């Protein structure tokens, strides 16, 4: 069994375990695996009560990792995230009391309810996997990813996330409401017990770290690299877009399509992988000339146009 087959099997085992708690949402779970295996961060935008917190907790239990939740509010301070040095009168020394950032899966709930100052304190830990406090730098545990939930901006008491912070999120996803049949299964499953309490680990943190070291072995041809770059460049030239996708975005797209391919059981990247990942990776990074309350829909429409315009590499070139 090669390394890529091991990653695929790992994803399937974890997915089956998570689905003991979460009903449906196959595509969303696969995309969260993309972030988990690449070390990316996820922004979940949806209405309350759709299972975002439950999904993160189920994933943490499945990999035997730690999960901490922060409820973001307007009065939250940066030290509430990172922790602080506290003076111990008995020892006459300062002792560091770590904050919730020191975990494996950090659920940042309603992240856009906090002030920009507090939101910006996440940038260092998201990018550098470290926290600086009083001149000392402390590394965070691995694996470490942030899964942040965001309310729609028309909700009361929300602050828009800075563009620099949005660019740090590899993916932006939505869970959405369950179908009628899925809703019925949810009620049946939770009628007598809480499935999360019975959930057991099926993998380890070391398995995830190993997957991160090997997913880049997925083959991606030069033609596919050019295909992705043409899509990214079109976002910079489109007349409706004021700020297109950055080089960081193109690198995120590369990592995402490689991980998505192996999760789908393949050892090479296909055009379908790129098409599946373009909107989750790029849409939230675009800034439009005419501001619209339907920014997500506008971004999806524009990216759809770009995908229709950019020529797709021919099949024989994919494996060459």
C-alpha atoms as a PDB file:
ATOM      1  CA  UNK A   1       0.000   0.000   0.000  1.00  0.00           C
ATOM      2  CA  UNK A   2       1.499   3.347  -1.031  1.00  0.00           C
ATOM      3  CA  UNK A   3       1.243   6.623   0.859  1.00  0.00           C
ATOM      4  CA  UNK A   4      -1.629   8.024  -1.208  1.00  0.00           C
ATOM      5  CA  UNK A   5      -3.737   4.904  -0.729  1.00  0.00           C
ATOM      6  CA  UNK A   6      -3.136   5.196   3.012  1.00  0.00           C
ATOM      7  CA  UNK A   7      -4.406   8.794   2.983  1.00  0.00           C
ATOM      8  CA  UNK A   8      -7.521   7.760   1.065  1.00  0.00           C
ATOM      9  CA  UNK A   9      -8.233   4.926   3.511  1.00  0.00           C
ATOM     10  CA  UNK A  10      -7.639   7.263   6.459  1.00  0.00           C
ATOM     11  CA  UNK A  11     -10.136   9.770   5.069  1.00  0.00           C
ATOM     12  CA  UNK A  12     -12.771   7.081   4.561  1.00  0.00           C
ATOM     13  CA  UNK A  13     -12.378   5.719   8.094  1.00  0.00           C
ATOM     14  CA  UNK A  14     -12.648   9.172   9.676  1.00  0.00           C
ATOM     15  CA  UNK A  15     -15.573  10.115   7.438  1.00  0.00           C
ATOM     16  CA  UNK A  16     -17.588   7.027   8.404  1.00  0.00           C
ATOM     17  CA  UNK A  17     -16.956   7.794  12.053  1.00  0.00           C
ATOM     18  CA  UNK A  18     -17.993  11.453  11.734  1.00  0.00           C
ATOM     19  CA  UNK A  19     -21.162  10.406   9.931  1.00  0.00           C
ATOM     20  CA  UNK A  20     -22.255   8.490  12.997  1.00  0.00           C
ATOM     21  CA  UNK A  21     -23.023  11.969  14.324  1.00  0.00           C
ATOM     22  CA  UNK A  22     -23.450  14.146  11.220  1.00  0.00           C
ATOM     23  CA  UNK A  23     -26.176  13.185   8.767  1.00  0.00           C
ATOM     24  CA  UNK A  24     -25.303  13.701   5.088  1.00  0.00           C
ATOM     25  CA  UNK A  25     -22.994  16.603   4.165  1.00  0.00           C
ATOM     26  CA  UNK A  26     -20.597  14.262   2.309  1.00  0.00           C
ATOM     27  CA  UNK A  27     -19.173  17.012   0.123  1.00  0.00           C
ATOM     28  CA  UNK A  28     -18.654  19.410   3.032  1.00  0.00           C
ATOM     29  CA  UNK A  29     -16.876  16.737   5.070  1.00  0.00           C
ATOM     30  CA  UNK A  30     -14.574  15.934   2.141  1.00  0.00           C
ATOM     31  CA  UNK A  31     -13.680  19.596   1.798  1.00  0.00           C
ATOM     32  CA  UNK A  32     -12.929  19.890   5.503  1.00  0.00           C
ATOM     33  CA  UNK A  33     -10.605  16.899   5.070  1.00  0.00           C
ATOM     34  CA  UNK A  34      -8.851  18.947   2.381  1.00  0.00           C
ATOM     35  CA  UNK A  35      -8.113  21.596   5.018  1.00  0.00           C
ATOM     36  CA  UNK A  36      -7.167  19.022   7.664  1.00  0.00           C
ATOM     37  CA  UNK A  37      -4.690  17.203   5.403  1.00  0.00           C
ATOM     38  CA  UNK A  38      -3.120  20.410   4.062  1.00  0.00           C
ATOM     39  CA  UNK A  39      -3.051  22.442   7.283  1.00  0.00           C
ATOM     40  CA  UNK A  40      -5.482  25.020   5.905  1.00  0.00           C
ATOM     41  CA  UNK A  41      -8.191  26.901   7.782  1.00  0.00           C
ATOM     42  CA  UNK A  42     -11.923  26.894   7.112  1.00  0.00           C
ATOM     43  CA  UNK A  43     -14.526  29.653   7.282  1.00  0.00           C
ATOM     44  CA  UNK A  44     -18.051  28.297   7.746  1.00  0.00           C
ATOM     45  CA  UNK A  45     -20.781  30.794   6.979  1.00  0.00           C
ATOM     46  CA  UNK A  46     -24.290  29.691   7.795  1.00  0.00           C
ATOM     47  CA  UNK A  47     -27.227  30.309  10.064  1.00  0.00           C
ATOM     48  CA  UNK A  48     -27.041  28.978  13.649  1.00  0.00           C
ATOM     49  CA  UNK A  49     -28.112  25.423  14.406  1.00  0.00           C
ATOM     50  CA  UNK A  50     -26.953  23.639  11.243  1.00  0.00           C
ATOM     51  CA  UNK A  51     -24.410  21.398  13.010  1.00  0.00           C
ATOM     52  CA  UNK A  52     -21.159  23.325  12.627  1.00  0.00           C
ATOM     53  CA  UNK A  53     -20.042  22.883  16.238  1.00  0.00           C
ATOM     54  CA  UNK A  54     -21.106  19.242  16.266  1.00  0.00           C
ATOM     55  CA  UNK A  55     -19.097  18.557  13.106  1.00  0.00           C
ATOM     56  CA  UNK A  56     -15.906  20.051  14.549  1.00  0.00           C
ATOM     57  CA  UNK A  57     -16.255  18.133  17.830  1.00  0.00           C
ATOM     58  CA  UNK A  58     -16.924  14.867  15.987  1.00  0.00           C
ATOM     59  CA  UNK A  59     -13.845  15.403  13.832  1.00  0.00           C
ATOM     60  CA  UNK A  60     -11.654  16.145  16.861  1.00  0.00           C
ATOM     61  CA  UNK A  61     -12.851  13.011  18.647  1.00  0.00           C
ATOM     62  CA  UNK A  62     -12.269  10.909  15.535  1.00  0.00           C
ATOM     63  CA  UNK A  63      -8.569  11.835  15.382  1.00  0.00           C
ATOM     64  CA  UNK A  64      -8.122  11.738  19.173  1.00  0.00           C
ATOM     65  CA  UNK A  65      -7.294  15.434  19.146  1.00  0.00           C
ATOM     66  CA  UNK A  66      -8.158  18.361  21.341  1.00  0.00           C
ATOM     67  CA  UNK A  67     -10.938  20.750  20.426  1.00  0.00           C
ATOM     68  CA  UNK A  68     -11.614  24.106  22.024  1.00  0.00           C
ATOM     69  CA  UNK A  69     -14.375  26.571  21.310  1.00  0.00           C
ATOM     70  CA  UNK A  70     -14.252  30.336  21.589  1.00  0.00           C
ATOM     71  CA  UNK A  71     -17.452  32.365  21.511  1.00  0.00           C
ATOM     72  CA  UNK A  72     -16.424  35.629  19.876  1.00  0.00           C
ATOM     73  CA  UNK A  73     -18.078  38.738  21.329  1.00  0.00           C
ATOM     74  CA  UNK A  74     -17.396  42.486  20.970  1.00  0.00           C
ATOM     75  CA  UNK A  75     -15.622  42.616  24.352  1.00  0.00           C
ATOM     76  CA  UNK A  76     -13.261  39.683  23.641  1.00  0.00           C
ATOM     77  CA  UNK A  77      -9.576  40.612  24.034  1.00  0.00           C
ATOM     78  CA  UNK A  78      -6.521  39.134  22.248  1.00  0.00           C
ATOM     79  CA  UNK A  79      -5.254  37.724  25.562  1.00  0.00           C
ATOM     80  CA  UNK A  80      -8.530  35.804  25.894  1.00  0.00           C
ATOM     81  CA  UNK A  81      -7.298  33.786  22.907  1.00  0.00           C
ATOM     82  CA  UNK A  82      -3.574  33.460  23.508  1.00  0.00           C
ATOM     83  CA  UNK A  83      -3.422  33.432  27.297  1.00  0.00           C
ATOM     84  CA  UNK A  84      -1.267  35.614  29.517  1.00  0.00           C
ATOM     85  CA  UNK A  85       1.502  35.694  32.101  1.00  0.00           C
ATOM     86  CA  UNK A  86       0.061  35.822  35.621  1.00  0.00           C
ATOM     87  CA  UNK A  87       2.074  36.767  38.689  1.00  0.00           C
ATOM     88  CA  UNK A  88       2.245  34.011  41.304  1.00  0.00           C
ATOM     89  CA  UNK A  89       2.666  35.563  44.743  1.00  0.00           C
ATOM     90  CA  UNK A  90       3.784  32.281  46.296  1.00  0.00           C
ATOM     91  CA  UNK A  91       6.715  31.790  43.941  1.00  0.00           C
ATOM     92  CA  UNK A  92       7.249  35.488  43.136  1.00  0.00           C
ATOM     93  CA  UNK A  93       7.336  34.543  39.439  1.00  0.00           C
ATOM     94  CA  UNK A  94       5.188  35.022  36.405  1.00  0.00           C
ATOM     95  CA  UNK A  95       3.519  31.867  35.135  1.00  0.00           C
ATOM     96  CA  UNK A  96       2.044  31.486  31.677  1.00  0.00           C
ATOM     97  CA  UNK A  97      -1.595  30.454  31.577  1.00  0.00           C
ATOM     98  CA  UNK A  98      -2.319  29.246  28.014  1.00  0.00           C
ATOM     99  CA  UNK A  99      -5.479  30.301  26.228  1.00  0.00           C
ATOM    100  CA  UNK A 100      -7.722  28.246  23.940  1.00  0.00           C
ATOM    101  CA  UNK A 101      -5.376  28.722  20.948  1.00  0.00           C
ATOM    102  CA  UNK A 102      -3.306  25.870  22.346  1.00  0.00           C
ATOM    103  CA  UNK A 103      -5.335  23.049  20.841  1.00  0.00           C
ATOM    104  CA  UNK A 104      -5.627  21.001  17.634  1.00  0.00           C
ATOM    105  CA  UNK A 105      -9.007  22.081  16.271  1.00  0.00           C
ATOM    106  CA  UNK A 106     -10.019  25.590  17.250  1.00  0.00           C
ATOM    107  CA  UNK A 107     -13.685  26.434  16.753  1.00  0.00           C
ATOM    108  CA  UNK A 108     -13.921  30.214  16.487  1.00  0.00           C
ATOM    109  CA  UNK A 109     -17.663  30.669  16.829  1.00  0.00           C
ATOM    110  CA  UNK A 110     -19.204  33.801  15.284  1.00  0.00           C
ATOM    111  CA  UNK A 111     -15.768  35.204  14.557  1.00  0.00           C
ATOM    112  CA  UNK A 112     -17.133  38.374  12.982  1.00  0.00           C
ATOM    113  CA  UNK A 113     -18.786  39.464  16.236  1.00  0.00           C
ATOM    114  CA  UNK A 114     -15.365  40.378  17.671  1.00  0.00           C
ATOM    115  CA  UNK A 115     -13.601  43.657  16.987  1.00  0.00           C
ATOM    116  CA  UNK A 116     -10.958  43.853  14.227  1.00  0.00           C
ATOM    117  CA  UNK A 117      -8.240  44.082  16.906  1.00  0.00           C
ATOM    118  CA  UNK A 118      -9.151  40.678  18.318  1.00  0.00           C
ATOM    119  CA  UNK A 119      -9.645  39.172  14.865  1.00  0.00           C
ATOM    120  CA  UNK A 120      -6.175  40.329  13.849  1.00  0.00           C
ATOM    121  CA  UNK A 121      -4.654  38.508  16.813  1.00  0.00           C
ATOM    122  CA  UNK A 122      -5.498  35.266  15.019  1.00  0.00           C
ATOM    123  CA  UNK A 123      -3.312  36.099  12.020  1.00  0.00           C
ATOM    124  CA  UNK A 124      -0.019  35.021  13.596  1.00  0.00           C
ATOM    125  CA  UNK A 125      -1.311  31.685  14.822  1.00  0.00           C
ATOM    126  CA  UNK A 126      -3.074  30.957  11.511  1.00  0.00           C
ATOM    127  CA  UNK A 127      -0.040  31.740   9.381  1.00  0.00           C
ATOM    128  CA  UNK A 128       2.961  30.934  11.591  1.00  0.00           C
ATOM    129  CA  UNK A 129       1.455  28.324  13.952  1.00  0.00           C
ATOM    130  CA  UNK A 130       2.867  30.272  16.882  1.00  0.00           C
ATOM    131  CA  UNK A 131       1.863  32.810  19.508  1.00  0.00           C
ATOM    132  CA  UNK A 132       4.015  35.707  20.742  1.00  0.00           C
ATOM    133  CA  UNK A 133       3.408  36.886  24.310  1.00  0.00           C
ATOM    134  CA  UNK A 134       5.560  39.421  26.159  1.00  0.00           C
ATOM    135  CA  UNK A 135       8.443  38.852  23.758  1.00  0.00           C
ATOM    136  CA  UNK A 136       8.334  35.052  23.986  1.00  0.00           C
ATOM    137  CA  UNK A 137       7.289  32.890  21.041  1.00  0.00           C
ATOM    138  CA  UNK A 138       5.477  29.601  21.686  1.00  0.00           C
ATOM    139  CA  UNK A 139       4.699  27.030  19.017  1.00  0.00           C
ATOM    140  CA  UNK A 140       1.200  25.647  18.750  1.00  0.00           C
ATOM    141  CA  UNK A 141       0.409  21.942  18.801  1.00  0.00           C
ATOM    142  CA  UNK A 142       0.245  20.020  15.527  1.00  0.00           C
ATOM    143  CA  UNK A 143      -1.994  19.426  13.777  1.00  0.00           C
ATOM    144  CA  UNK A 144      -3.586  22.847  14.220  1.00  0.00           C
ATOM    145  CA  UNK A 145      -6.405  24.311  12.163  1.00  0.00           C
ATOM    146  CA  UNK A 146      -8.978  27.027  12.747  1.00  0.00           C
ATOM    147  CA  UNK A 147     -12.594  26.375  11.823  1.00  0.00           C
ATOM    148  CA  UNK A 148     -14.385  29.686  12.163  1.00  0.00           C
ATOM    149  CA  UNK A 149     -18.109  30.277  11.877  1.00  0.00           C
ATOM    150  CA  UNK A 150     -19.426  33.554  10.563  1.00  0.00           C
ATOM    151  CA  UNK A 151     -22.848  35.120  10.626  1.00  0.00           C
ATOM    152  CA  UNK A 152     -24.129  36.919   7.541  1.00  0.00           C
ATOM    153  CA  UNK A 153     -23.026  40.559   7.689  1.00  0.00           C
ATOM    154  CA  UNK A 154     -26.561  41.902   7.820  1.00  0.00           C
ATOM    155  CA  UNK A 155     -26.936  40.363  11.297  1.00  0.00           C
ATOM    156  CA  UNK A 156     -26.831  42.799  14.200  1.00  0.00           C
ATOM    157  CA  UNK A 157     -23.440  43.385  15.826  1.00  0.00           C
ATOM    158  CA  UNK A 158     -21.102  41.971  13.184  1.00  0.00           C
ATOM    159  CA  UNK A 159     -17.784  43.317  11.877  1.00  0.00           C
ATOM    160  CA  UNK A 160     -16.495  42.463   8.400  1.00  0.00           C
ATOM    161  CA  UNK A 161     -13.319  40.387   8.443  1.00  0.00           C
ATOM    162  CA  UNK A 162     -10.227  42.186   7.056  1.00  0.00           C
ATOM    163  CA  UNK A 163      -9.170  41.090   3.565  1.00  0.00           C
ATOM    164  CA  UNK A 164      -5.800  39.939   4.942  1.00  0.00           C
ATOM    165  CA  UNK A 165      -7.585  37.634   7.386  1.00  0.00           C
ATOM    166  CA  UNK A 166      -9.964  36.268   4.768  1.00  0.00           C
ATOM    167  CA  UNK A 167      -6.929  35.408   2.644  1.00  0.00           C
ATOM    168  CA  UNK A 168      -5.656  33.173   5.461  1.00  0.00           C
ATOM    169  CA  UNK A 169      -8.690  30.905   5.206  1.00  0.00           C
ATOM    170  CA  UNK A 170      -8.052  28.193   2.646  1.00  0.00           C
ATOM    171  CA  UNK A 171     -11.755  27.387   2.195  1.00  0.00           C
ATOM    172  CA  UNK A 172     -15.099  29.005   2.762  1.00  0.00           C
ATOM    173  CA  UNK A 173     -17.938  26.501   3.114  1.00  0.00           C
ATOM    174  CA  UNK A 174     -21.619  26.284   3.949  1.00  0.00           C
ATOM    175  CA  UNK A 175     -23.423  23.390   5.601  1.00  0.00           C
ATOM    176  CA  UNK A 176     -26.954  24.377   4.682  1.00  0.00           C
ATOM    177  CA  UNK A 177     -30.210  22.931   5.965  1.00  0.00           C
ATOM    178  CA  UNK A 178     -30.753  19.164   5.793  1.00  0.00           C
ATOM    179  CA  UNK A 179     -33.235  17.668   3.367  1.00  0.00           C
ATOM    180  CA  UNK A 180     -36.530  16.323   4.724  1.00  0.00           C
ATOM    181  CA  UNK A 181     -35.204  12.748   4.850  1.00  0.00           C
ATOM    182  CA  UNK A 182     -31.967  13.900   6.496  1.00  0.00           C
ATOM    183  CA  UNK A 183     -33.917  15.941   9.036  1.00  0.00           C
ATOM    184  CA  UNK A 184     -36.024  12.915   9.902  1.00  0.00           C
ATOM    185  CA  UNK A 185     -32.891  10.836  10.383  1.00  0.00           C
ATOM    186  CA  UNK A 186     -31.422  13.542  12.646  1.00  0.00           C
ATOM    187  CA  UNK A 187     -34.507  13.451  14.891  1.00  0.00           C
ATOM    188  CA  UNK A 188     -34.442   9.652  15.021  1.00  0.00           C
ATOM    189  CA  UNK A 189     -30.731   9.511  15.783  1.00  0.00           C
ATOM    190  CA  UNK A 190     -30.874  12.087  18.580  1.00  0.00           C
ATOM    191  CA  UNK A 191     -34.206  10.931  20.026  1.00  0.00           C
ATOM    192  CA  UNK A 192     -32.814   8.739  22.796  1.00  0.00           C
ATOM    193  CA  UNK A 193     -29.101   9.484  23.018  1.00  0.00           C
ATOM    194  CA  UNK A 194     -26.311  11.869  22.060  1.00  0.00           C
ATOM    195  CA  UNK A 195     -24.176  10.064  19.421  1.00  0.00           C
ATOM    196  CA  UNK A 196     -21.209  12.365  20.041  1.00  0.00           C
ATOM    197  CA  UNK A 197     -20.785  10.997  23.558  1.00  0.00           C
ATOM    198  CA  UNK A 198     -20.371   7.436  22.232  1.00  0.00           C
ATOM    199  CA  UNK A 199     -17.951   8.402  19.470  1.00  0.00           C
ATOM    200  CA  UNK A 200     -14.519   6.749  19.704  1.00  0.00           C
ATOM    201  CA  UNK A 201     -11.227   7.737  18.016  1.00  0.00           C
ATOM    202  CA  UNK A 202     -10.454   5.892  14.780  1.00  0.00           C
ATOM    203  CA  UNK A 203      -7.188   7.688  13.951  1.00  0.00           C
ATOM    204  CA  UNK A 204      -4.447   9.658  15.647  1.00  0.00           C
ATOM    205  CA  UNK A 205      -2.867  13.073  15.332  1.00  0.00           C
ATOM    206  CA  UNK A 206       0.249  11.346  14.034  1.00  0.00           C
ATOM    207  CA  UNK A 207      -1.816   9.928  11.151  1.00  0.00           C
ATOM    208  CA  UNK A 208      -2.869  13.437  10.149  1.00  0.00           C
ATOM    209  CA  UNK A 209       0.704  14.741  10.348  1.00  0.00           C
ATOM    210  CA  UNK A 210       1.835  11.823   8.178  1.00  0.00           C
ATOM    211  CA  UNK A 211      -0.899  12.566   5.633  1.00  0.00           C
ATOM    212  CA  UNK A 212       0.262  16.186   5.461  1.00  0.00           C
ATOM    213  CA  UNK A 213       3.758  15.001   4.592  1.00  0.00           C
ATOM    214  CA  UNK A 214       2.573  12.755   1.746  1.00  0.00           C
ATOM    215  CA  UNK A 215      -0.447  14.287  -0.009  1.00  0.00           C
ATOM    216  CA  UNK A 216       1.826  16.402  -2.258  1.00  0.00           C
ATOM    217  CA  UNK A 217       2.909  13.184  -3.985  1.00  0.00           C
ATOM    218  CA  UNK A 218      -0.313  13.415  -5.996  1.00  0.00           C
ATOM    219  CA  UNK A 219       0.750  13.946  -9.606  1.00  0.00           C
ATOM    220  CA  UNK A 220      -0.165  17.261 -11.196  1.00  0.00           C
ATOM    221  CA  UNK A 221       0.939  17.935 -14.767  1.00  0.00           C
ATOM    222  CA  UNK A 222       2.330  21.201 -16.106  1.00  0.00           C
ATOM    223  CA  UNK A 223      -0.865  21.594 -18.133  1.00  0.00           C
ATOM    224  CA  UNK A 224      -2.934  21.501 -14.958  1.00  0.00           C
ATOM    225  CA  UNK A 225      -0.670  24.069 -13.306  1.00  0.00           C
ATOM    226  CA  UNK A 226      -1.148  26.379 -16.296  1.00  0.00           C
ATOM    227  CA  UNK A 227      -4.908  25.755 -16.175  1.00  0.00           C
ATOM    228  CA  UNK A 228      -5.096  26.850 -12.527  1.00  0.00           C
ATOM    229  CA  UNK A 229      -2.900  29.881 -13.102  1.00  0.00           C
ATOM    230  CA  UNK A 230      -5.032  31.035 -16.044  1.00  0.00           C
ATOM    231  CA  UNK A 231      -8.103  30.882 -13.806  1.00  0.00           C
ATOM    232  CA  UNK A 232      -6.320  32.906 -11.112  1.00  0.00           C
ATOM    233  CA  UNK A 233      -5.095  35.479 -13.628  1.00  0.00           C
ATOM    234  CA  UNK A 234      -8.603  35.928 -15.009  1.00  0.00           C
ATOM    235  CA  UNK A 235      -9.773  37.012 -11.558  1.00  0.00           C
ATOM    236  CA  UNK A 236      -7.207  39.821 -11.750  1.00  0.00           C
ATOM    237  CA  UNK A 237      -8.401  40.944 -15.183  1.00  0.00           C
ATOM    238  CA  UNK A 238     -12.183  40.654 -14.788  1.00  0.00           C
ATOM    239  CA  UNK A 239     -13.867  44.077 -15.079  1.00  0.00           C
ATOM    240  CA  UNK A 240     -16.119  43.490 -12.054  1.00  0.00           C
ATOM    241  CA  UNK A 241     -13.270  42.505  -9.713  1.00  0.00           C
ATOM    242  CA  UNK A 242     -11.230  45.185  -7.959  1.00  0.00           C
ATOM    243  CA  UNK A 243      -8.924  42.766  -6.140  1.00  0.00           C
ATOM    244  CA  UNK A 244      -8.247  39.371  -7.679  1.00  0.00           C
ATOM    245  CA  UNK A 245      -6.773  36.204  -6.215  1.00  0.00           C
ATOM    246  CA  UNK A 246      -3.309  36.596  -4.682  1.00  0.00           C
ATOM    247  CA  UNK A 247      -0.274  34.307  -5.099  1.00  0.00           C
ATOM    248  CA  UNK A 248      -1.222  32.869  -1.690  1.00  0.00           C
ATOM    249  CA  UNK A 249      -4.599  31.989  -3.185  1.00  0.00           C
ATOM    250  CA  UNK A 250      -3.017  30.179  -6.145  1.00  0.00           C
ATOM    251  CA  UNK A 251      -0.833  28.165  -3.767  1.00  0.00           C
ATOM    252  CA  UNK A 252      -3.894  27.322  -1.669  1.00  0.00           C
ATOM    253  CA  UNK A 253      -5.680  26.153  -4.820  1.00  0.00           C
ATOM    254  CA  UNK A 254      -2.727  23.906  -5.695  1.00  0.00           C
ATOM    255  CA  UNK A 255      -2.693  22.293  -2.252  1.00  0.00           C
ATOM    256  CA  UNK A 256      -6.471  21.928  -2.237  1.00  0.00           C
ATOM    257  CA  UNK A 257      -6.735  20.146  -5.599  1.00  0.00           C
ATOM    258  CA  UNK A 258      -3.955  17.714  -4.660  1.00  0.00           C
ATOM    259  CA  UNK A 259      -5.620  16.815  -1.369  1.00  0.00           C
ATOM    260  CA  UNK A 260      -9.080  16.628  -2.975  1.00  0.00           C
ATOM    261  CA  UNK A 261      -7.776  14.232  -5.637  1.00  0.00           C
ATOM    262  CA  UNK A 262      -6.334  11.796  -3.094  1.00  0.00           C
ATOM    263  CA  UNK A 263      -9.475  11.986  -0.938  1.00  0.00           C
ATOM    264  CA  UNK A 264     -11.390  10.974  -4.065  1.00  0.00           C
ATOM    265  CA  UNK A 265      -9.109   7.968  -4.486  1.00  0.00           C
ATOM    266  CA  UNK A 266      -6.901   9.164  -7.348  1.00  0.00           C
ATOM    267  CA  UNK A 267      -3.171   9.705  -7.651  1.00  0.00           C
ATOM    268  CA  UNK A 268      -3.384  12.532 -10.189  1.00  0.00           C
ATOM    269  CA  UNK A 269      -5.225  15.853 -10.432  1.00  0.00           C
ATOM    270  CA  UNK A 270      -8.027  16.169 -12.994  1.00  0.00           C
ATOM    271  CA  UNK A 271      -9.831  19.282 -14.287  1.00  0.00           C
ATOM    272  CA  UNK A 272     -12.857  18.268 -12.208  1.00  0.00           C
ATOM    273  CA  UNK A 273     -10.759  18.602  -9.043  1.00  0.00           C
ATOM    274  CA  UNK A 274      -9.866  22.157 -10.030  1.00  0.00           C
ATOM    275  CA  UNK A 275     -13.484  23.027 -10.852  1.00  0.00           C
ATOM    276  CA  UNK A 276     -14.647  21.640  -7.501  1.00  0.00           C
ATOM    277  CA  UNK A 277     -12.093  23.660  -5.529  1.00  0.00           C
ATOM    278  CA  UNK A 278     -12.116  27.001  -7.378  1.00  0.00           C
ATOM    279  CA  UNK A 279     -15.177  28.473  -5.651  1.00  0.00           C
ATOM    280  CA  UNK A 280     -14.411  27.282  -2.067  1.00  0.00           C
ATOM    281  CA  UNK A 281     -10.798  28.485  -2.358  1.00  0.00           C
ATOM    282  CA  UNK A 282     -11.136  31.706  -4.352  1.00  0.00           C
ATOM    283  CA  UNK A 283     -14.639  33.174  -3.907  1.00  0.00           C
ATOM    284  CA  UNK A 284     -14.136  34.698  -0.445  1.00  0.00           C
ATOM    285  CA  UNK A 285     -10.828  36.311  -1.489  1.00  0.00           C
ATOM    286  CA  UNK A 286     -12.287  38.458  -4.288  1.00  0.00           C
ATOM    287  CA  UNK A 287     -13.145  42.126  -3.818  1.00  0.00           C
ATOM    288  CA  UNK A 288     -15.696  43.570  -6.244  1.00  0.00           C
ATOM    289  CA  UNK A 289     -15.867  47.107  -7.593  1.00  0.00           C
ATOM    290  CA  UNK A 290     -19.571  47.404  -6.836  1.00  0.00           C
ATOM    291  CA  UNK A 291     -20.291  46.243  -3.291  1.00  0.00           C
ATOM    292  CA  UNK A 292     -23.238  43.903  -3.063  1.00  0.00           C
ATOM    293  CA  UNK A 293     -25.040  42.216  -0.187  1.00  0.00           C
ATOM    294  CA  UNK A 294     -25.021  39.108  -2.391  1.00  0.00           C
ATOM    295  CA  UNK A 295     -21.223  39.007  -2.541  1.00  0.00           C
ATOM    296  CA  UNK A 296     -21.025  35.211  -2.352  1.00  0.00           C
ATOM    297  CA  UNK A 297     -23.504  34.760  -5.168  1.00  0.00           C
ATOM    298  CA  UNK A 298     -21.710  37.403  -7.225  1.00  0.00           C
ATOM    299  CA  UNK A 299     -18.362  35.665  -6.695  1.00  0.00           C
ATOM    300  CA  UNK A 300     -19.799  32.276  -7.647  1.00  0.00           C
ATOM    301  CA  UNK A 301     -21.329  33.707 -10.826  1.00  0.00           C
ATOM    302  CA  UNK A 302     -18.102  35.415 -11.893  1.00  0.00           C
ATOM    303  CA  UNK A 303     -15.972  32.349 -11.173  1.00  0.00           C
ATOM    304  CA  UNK A 304     -18.470  30.245 -13.097  1.00  0.00           C
ATOM    305  CA  UNK A 305     -18.008  32.546 -16.089  1.00  0.00           C
ATOM    306  CA  UNK A 306     -14.230  32.264 -15.795  1.00  0.00           C
ATOM    307  CA  UNK A 307     -14.369  28.457 -15.641  1.00  0.00           C
ATOM    308  CA  UNK A 308     -16.456  28.445 -18.818  1.00  0.00           C
ATOM    309  CA  UNK A 309     -13.969  30.703 -20.609  1.00  0.00           C
ATOM    310  CA  UNK A 310     -10.632  29.138 -19.659  1.00  0.00           C
ATOM    311  CA  UNK A 311      -9.736  26.165 -21.922  1.00  0.00           C
ATOM    312  CA  UNK A 312      -9.598  22.820 -20.120  1.00  0.00           C
ATOM    313  CA  UNK A 313      -6.492  20.631 -20.650  1.00  0.00           C
ATOM    314  CA  UNK A 314      -7.134  17.569 -22.776  1.00  0.00           C
ATOM    315  CA  UNK A 315      -7.347  14.196 -21.016  1.00  0.00           C
ATOM    316  CA  UNK A 316      -4.209  12.592 -22.559  1.00  0.00           C
ATOM    317  CA  UNK A 317      -2.029  15.353 -21.122  1.00  0.00           C
ATOM    318  CA  UNK A 318      -3.182  14.826 -17.542  1.00  0.00           C
ATOM    319  CA  UNK A 319      -1.108  11.717 -16.840  1.00  0.00           C
ATOM    320  CA  UNK A 320       1.855  12.611 -18.978  1.00  0.00           C
END
